């Protein structure tokens, strides 16, 4: 099974926007950079499972 990282990124962005959290705020919460969050949301970078788990707990 192939993982669609663009879909994952879109879901993260939708969830983040529903919670009214900026990329900067999310990046701070998961100890990352805003540019990395942007790249994950665009499907350019692959989120690590650890960051994904922290992301789900943060928001």
PDB file of N, CA and C in Angstrom:
ATOM      1  N   UNK A   1       0.835  -1.179   0.000  1.00  0.00           N
ATOM      2  CA  UNK A   1       0.000   0.000   0.000  1.00  0.00           C
ATOM      3  C   UNK A   1       0.884   1.248   0.000  1.00  0.00           C
ATOM      4  N   UNK A   2       0.601   2.172  -0.898  1.00  0.00           N
ATOM      5  CA  UNK A   2       1.366   3.402  -0.998  1.00  0.00           C
ATOM      6  C   UNK A   2       0.727   4.486  -0.128  1.00  0.00           C
ATOM      7  N   UNK A   3       1.555   5.192   0.593  1.00  0.00           N
ATOM      8  CA  UNK A   3       1.074   6.264   1.466  1.00  0.00           C
ATOM      9  C   UNK A   3       1.012   7.552   0.651  1.00  0.00           C
ATOM     10  N   UNK A   4      -0.118   8.229   0.697  1.00  0.00           N
ATOM     11  CA  UNK A   4      -0.292   9.484  -0.014  1.00  0.00           C
ATOM     12  C   UNK A   4      -0.015  10.640   0.951  1.00  0.00           C
ATOM     13  N   UNK A   5       1.206  11.175   0.872  1.00  0.00           N
ATOM     14  CA  UNK A   5       1.618  12.222   1.805  1.00  0.00           C
ATOM     15  C   UNK A   5       0.930  13.554   1.525  1.00  0.00           C
ATOM     16  N   UNK A   6       0.498  13.781   0.292  1.00  0.00           N
ATOM     17  CA  UNK A   6      -0.246  15.004  -0.006  1.00  0.00           C
ATOM     18  C   UNK A   6      -1.585  14.997   0.724  1.00  0.00           C
ATOM     19  N   UNK A   7      -2.233  13.848   0.757  1.00  0.00           N
ATOM     20  CA  UNK A   7      -3.509  13.732   1.467  1.00  0.00           C
ATOM     21  C   UNK A   7      -3.305  13.925   2.965  1.00  0.00           C
ATOM     22  N   UNK A   8      -2.258  13.342   3.504  1.00  0.00           N
ATOM     23  CA  UNK A   8      -1.958  13.519   4.929  1.00  0.00           C
ATOM     24  C   UNK A   8      -1.722  14.996   5.223  1.00  0.00           C
ATOM     25  N   UNK A   9      -0.944  15.652   4.372  1.00  0.00           N
ATOM     26  CA  UNK A   9      -0.662  17.077   4.546  1.00  0.00           C
ATOM     27  C   UNK A   9      -1.914  17.928   4.493  1.00  0.00           C
ATOM     28  N   UNK A  10      -2.797  17.607   3.556  1.00  0.00           N
ATOM     29  CA  UNK A  10      -4.052  18.346   3.456  1.00  0.00           C
ATOM     30  C   UNK A  10      -4.894  18.171   4.703  1.00  0.00           C
ATOM     31  N   UNK A  11      -4.911  16.971   5.237  1.00  0.00           N
ATOM     32  CA  UNK A  11      -5.693  16.711   6.458  1.00  0.00           C
ATOM     33  C   UNK A  11      -5.119  17.459   7.654  1.00  0.00           C
ATOM     34  N   UNK A  12      -3.792  17.500   7.736  1.00  0.00           N
ATOM     35  CA  UNK A  12      -3.151  18.254   8.824  1.00  0.00           C
ATOM     36  C   UNK A  12      -3.513  19.726   8.707  1.00  0.00           C
ATOM     37  N   UNK A  13      -3.456  20.258   7.491  1.00  0.00           N
ATOM     38  CA  UNK A  13      -3.786  21.678   7.287  1.00  0.00           C
ATOM     39  C   UNK A  13      -5.240  21.964   7.649  1.00  0.00           C
ATOM     40  N   UNK A  14      -6.155  21.116   7.210  1.00  0.00           N
ATOM     41  CA  UNK A  14      -7.577  21.301   7.530  1.00  0.00           C
ATOM     42  C   UNK A  14      -7.784  21.270   9.039  1.00  0.00           C
ATOM     43  N   UNK A  15      -7.198  20.292   9.695  1.00  0.00           N
ATOM     44  CA  UNK A  15      -7.348  20.167  11.143  1.00  0.00           C
ATOM     45  C   UNK A  15      -6.748  21.377  11.855  1.00  0.00           C
ATOM     46  N   UNK A  16      -5.573  21.820  11.396  1.00  0.00           N
ATOM     47  CA  UNK A  16      -4.913  22.979  11.992  1.00  0.00           C
ATOM     48  C   UNK A  16      -5.780  24.224  11.825  1.00  0.00           C
ATOM     49  N   UNK A  17      -6.343  24.404  10.642  1.00  0.00           N
ATOM     50  CA  UNK A  17      -7.198  25.569  10.398  1.00  0.00           C
ATOM     51  C   UNK A  17      -8.481  25.519  11.211  1.00  0.00           C
ATOM     52  N   UNK A  18      -9.038  24.337  11.393  1.00  0.00           N
ATOM     53  CA  UNK A  18     -10.242  24.201  12.226  1.00  0.00           C
ATOM     54  C   UNK A  18      -9.972  24.609  13.667  1.00  0.00           C
ATOM     55  N   UNK A  19      -8.743  24.379  14.122  1.00  0.00           N
ATOM     56  CA  UNK A  19      -8.359  24.736  15.489  1.00  0.00           C
ATOM     57  C   UNK A  19      -7.805  26.154  15.590  1.00  0.00           C
ATOM     58  N   UNK A  20      -7.799  26.878  14.450  1.00  0.00           N
ATOM     59  CA  UNK A  20      -7.275  28.257  14.390  1.00  0.00           C
ATOM     60  C   UNK A  20      -5.841  28.347  14.905  1.00  0.00           C
ATOM     61  N   UNK A  21      -5.013  27.423  14.451  1.00  0.00           N
ATOM     62  CA  UNK A  21      -3.598  27.405  14.828  1.00  0.00           C
ATOM     63  C   UNK A  21      -2.768  27.724  13.593  1.00  0.00           C
ATOM     64  N   UNK A  22      -1.821  28.631  13.728  1.00  0.00           N
ATOM     65  CA  UNK A  22      -0.945  28.966  12.609  1.00  0.00           C
ATOM     66  C   UNK A  22       0.132  27.898  12.452  1.00  0.00           C
ATOM     67  N   UNK A  23       0.788  27.930  11.307  1.00  0.00           N
ATOM     68  CA  UNK A  23       1.909  27.011  11.100  1.00  0.00           C
ATOM     69  C   UNK A  23       3.007  27.283  12.123  1.00  0.00           C
ATOM     70  N   UNK A  24       3.205  28.537  12.456  1.00  0.00           N
ATOM     71  CA  UNK A  24       4.223  28.899  13.443  1.00  0.00           C
ATOM     72  C   UNK A  24       3.895  28.327  14.815  1.00  0.00           C
ATOM     73  N   UNK A  25       2.638  28.428  15.208  1.00  0.00           N
ATOM     74  CA  UNK A  25       2.231  27.904  16.509  1.00  0.00           C
ATOM     75  C   UNK A  25       2.368  26.387  16.560  1.00  0.00           C
ATOM     76  N   UNK A  26       1.940  25.715  15.491  1.00  0.00           N
ATOM     77  CA  UNK A  26       2.065  24.265  15.449  1.00  0.00           C
ATOM     78  C   UNK A  26       3.531  23.850  15.469  1.00  0.00           C
ATOM     79  N   UNK A  27       4.352  24.551  14.704  1.00  0.00           N
ATOM     80  CA  UNK A  27       5.780  24.237  14.661  1.00  0.00           C
ATOM     81  C   UNK A  27       6.393  24.352  16.055  1.00  0.00           C
ATOM     82  N   UNK A  28       6.025  25.389  16.771  1.00  0.00           N
ATOM     83  CA  UNK A  28       6.535  25.574  18.129  1.00  0.00           C
ATOM     84  C   UNK A  28       6.097  24.421  19.034  1.00  0.00           C
ATOM     85  N   UNK A  29       4.835  24.017  18.913  1.00  0.00           N
ATOM     86  CA  UNK A  29       4.293  22.962  19.773  1.00  0.00           C
ATOM     87  C   UNK A  29       4.968  21.619  19.545  1.00  0.00           C
ATOM     88  N   UNK A  30       5.398  21.356  18.328  1.00  0.00           N
ATOM     89  CA  UNK A  30       6.010  20.053  18.046  1.00  0.00           C
ATOM     90  C   UNK A  30       7.517  20.149  17.823  1.00  0.00           C
ATOM     91  N   UNK A  31       8.090  21.305  18.195  1.00  0.00           N
ATOM     92  CA  UNK A  31       9.536  21.507  18.102  1.00  0.00           C
ATOM     93  C   UNK A  31      10.036  21.308  16.672  1.00  0.00           C
ATOM     94  N   UNK A  32       9.424  22.046  15.773  1.00  0.00           N
ATOM     95  CA  UNK A  32       9.776  21.985  14.361  1.00  0.00           C
ATOM     96  C   UNK A  32       9.848  23.413  13.836  1.00  0.00           C
ATOM     97  N   UNK A  33       9.993  23.569  12.525  1.00  0.00           N
ATOM     98  CA  UNK A  33      10.030  24.900  11.928  1.00  0.00           C
ATOM     99  C   UNK A  33       8.775  25.123  11.098  1.00  0.00           C
ATOM    100  N   UNK A  34       8.353  26.383  10.964  1.00  0.00           N
ATOM    101  CA  UNK A  34       7.184  26.670  10.131  1.00  0.00           C
ATOM    102  C   UNK A  34       7.361  26.207   8.682  1.00  0.00           C
ATOM    103  N   UNK A  35       8.572  26.318   8.160  1.00  0.00           N
ATOM    104  CA  UNK A  35       8.800  25.877   6.778  1.00  0.00           C
ATOM    105  C   UNK A  35       8.640  24.363   6.652  1.00  0.00           C
ATOM    106  N   UNK A  36       9.010  23.627   7.688  1.00  0.00           N
ATOM    107  CA  UNK A  36       8.829  22.173   7.666  1.00  0.00           C
ATOM    108  C   UNK A  36       7.339  21.824   7.693  1.00  0.00           C
ATOM    109  N   UNK A  37       6.570  22.537   8.506  1.00  0.00           N
ATOM    110  CA  UNK A  37       5.123  22.324   8.551  1.00  0.00           C
ATOM    111  C   UNK A  37       4.513  22.618   7.179  1.00  0.00           C
ATOM    112  N   UNK A  38       4.941  23.702   6.568  1.00  0.00           N
ATOM    113  CA  UNK A  38       4.456  24.062   5.240  1.00  0.00           C
ATOM    114  C   UNK A  38       4.751  22.946   4.234  1.00  0.00           C
ATOM    115  N   UNK A  39       5.963  22.422   4.273  1.00  0.00           N
ATOM    116  CA  UNK A  39       6.342  21.354   3.348  1.00  0.00           C
ATOM    117  C   UNK A  39       5.569  20.061   3.602  1.00  0.00           C
ATOM    118  N   UNK A  40       5.276  19.773   4.846  1.00  0.00           N
ATOM    119  CA  UNK A  40       4.458  18.596   5.172  1.00  0.00           C
ATOM    120  C   UNK A  40       3.045  18.786   4.620  1.00  0.00           C
ATOM    121  N   UNK A  41       2.480  19.971   4.844  1.00  0.00           N
ATOM    122  CA  UNK A  41       1.120  20.234   4.375  1.00  0.00           C
ATOM    123  C   UNK A  41       1.018  20.195   2.860  1.00  0.00           C
ATOM    124  N   UNK A  42       2.087  20.520   2.167  1.00  0.00           N
ATOM    125  CA  UNK A  42       2.097  20.478   0.703  1.00  0.00           C
ATOM    126  C   UNK A  42       2.480  19.104   0.163  1.00  0.00           C
ATOM    127  N   UNK A  43       2.842  18.181   1.044  1.00  0.00           N
ATOM    128  CA  UNK A  43       3.199  16.835   0.614  1.00  0.00           C
ATOM    129  C   UNK A  43       4.617  16.703   0.112  1.00  0.00           C
ATOM    130  N   UNK A  44       5.445  17.720   0.365  1.00  0.00           N
ATOM    131  CA  UNK A  44       6.836  17.698  -0.090  1.00  0.00           C
ATOM    132  C   UNK A  44       7.707  16.902   0.877  1.00  0.00           C
ATOM    133  N   UNK A  45       7.462  17.084   2.165  1.00  0.00           N
ATOM    134  CA  UNK A  45       8.205  16.353   3.196  1.00  0.00           C
ATOM    135  C   UNK A  45       7.293  15.329   3.844  1.00  0.00           C
ATOM    136  N   UNK A  46       7.893  14.270   4.309  1.00  0.00           N
ATOM    137  CA  UNK A  46       7.147  13.218   4.985  1.00  0.00           C
ATOM    138  C   UNK A  46       7.229  13.438   6.493  1.00  0.00           C
ATOM    139  N   UNK A  47       6.082  13.502   7.163  1.00  0.00           N
ATOM    140  CA  UNK A  47       6.136  13.667   8.618  1.00  0.00           C
ATOM    141  C   UNK A  47       6.581  12.359   9.275  1.00  0.00           C
ATOM    142  N   UNK A  48       7.415  12.492  10.272  1.00  0.00           N
ATOM    143  CA  UNK A  48       7.806  11.299  11.014  1.00  0.00           C
ATOM    144  C   UNK A  48       6.626  10.853  11.864  1.00  0.00           C
ATOM    145  N   UNK A  49       6.582   9.593  12.170  1.00  0.00           N
ATOM    146  CA  UNK A  49       5.492   9.065  12.987  1.00  0.00           C
ATOM    147  C   UNK A  49       5.468   9.751  14.349  1.00  0.00           C
ATOM    148  N   UNK A  50       6.637  10.028  14.896  1.00  0.00           N
ATOM    149  CA  UNK A  50       6.719  10.691  16.195  1.00  0.00           C
ATOM    150  C   UNK A  50       6.120  12.097  16.105  1.00  0.00           C
ATOM    151  N   UNK A  51       6.464  12.865  15.072  1.00  0.00           N
ATOM    152  CA  UNK A  51       5.924  14.217  14.909  1.00  0.00           C
ATOM    153  C   UNK A  51       4.420  14.159  14.668  1.00  0.00           C
ATOM    154  N   UNK A  52       3.976  13.172  13.907  1.00  0.00           N
ATOM    155  CA  UNK A  52       2.559  13.029  13.622  1.00  0.00           C
ATOM    156  C   UNK A  52       1.789  12.758  14.911  1.00  0.00           C
ATOM    157  N   UNK A  53       2.344  11.911  15.762  1.00  0.00           N
ATOM    158  CA  UNK A  53       1.721  11.588  17.047  1.00  0.00           C
ATOM    159  C   UNK A  53       1.677  12.810  17.945  1.00  0.00           C
ATOM    160  N   UNK A  54       2.791  13.551  18.019  1.00  0.00           N
ATOM    161  CA  UNK A  54       2.837  14.762  18.833  1.00  0.00           C
ATOM    162  C   UNK A  54       1.849  15.778  18.280  1.00  0.00           C
ATOM    163  N   UNK A  55       1.781  15.883  16.943  1.00  0.00           N
ATOM    164  CA  UNK A  55       0.863  16.801  16.292  1.00  0.00           C
ATOM    165  C   UNK A  55      -0.570  16.506  16.712  1.00  0.00           C
ATOM    166  N   UNK A  56      -0.960  15.265  16.720  1.00  0.00           N
ATOM    167  CA  UNK A  56      -2.320  14.885  17.095  1.00  0.00           C
ATOM    168  C   UNK A  56      -2.611  15.213  18.546  1.00  0.00           C
ATOM    169  N   UNK A  57      -1.615  15.112  19.401  1.00  0.00           N
ATOM    170  CA  UNK A  57      -1.815  15.428  20.813  1.00  0.00           C
ATOM    171  C   UNK A  57      -1.821  16.933  21.068  1.00  0.00           C
ATOM    172  N   UNK A  58      -1.111  17.691  20.212  1.00  0.00           N
ATOM    173  CA  UNK A  58      -0.968  19.124  20.414  1.00  0.00           C
ATOM    174  C   UNK A  58      -2.236  19.903  20.118  1.00  0.00           C
ATOM    175  N   UNK A  59      -2.936  19.470  19.092  1.00  0.00           N
ATOM    176  CA  UNK A  59      -4.088  20.254  18.652  1.00  0.00           C
ATOM    177  C   UNK A  59      -5.367  19.586  18.953  1.00  0.00           C
TER     178      UNK A  59
END
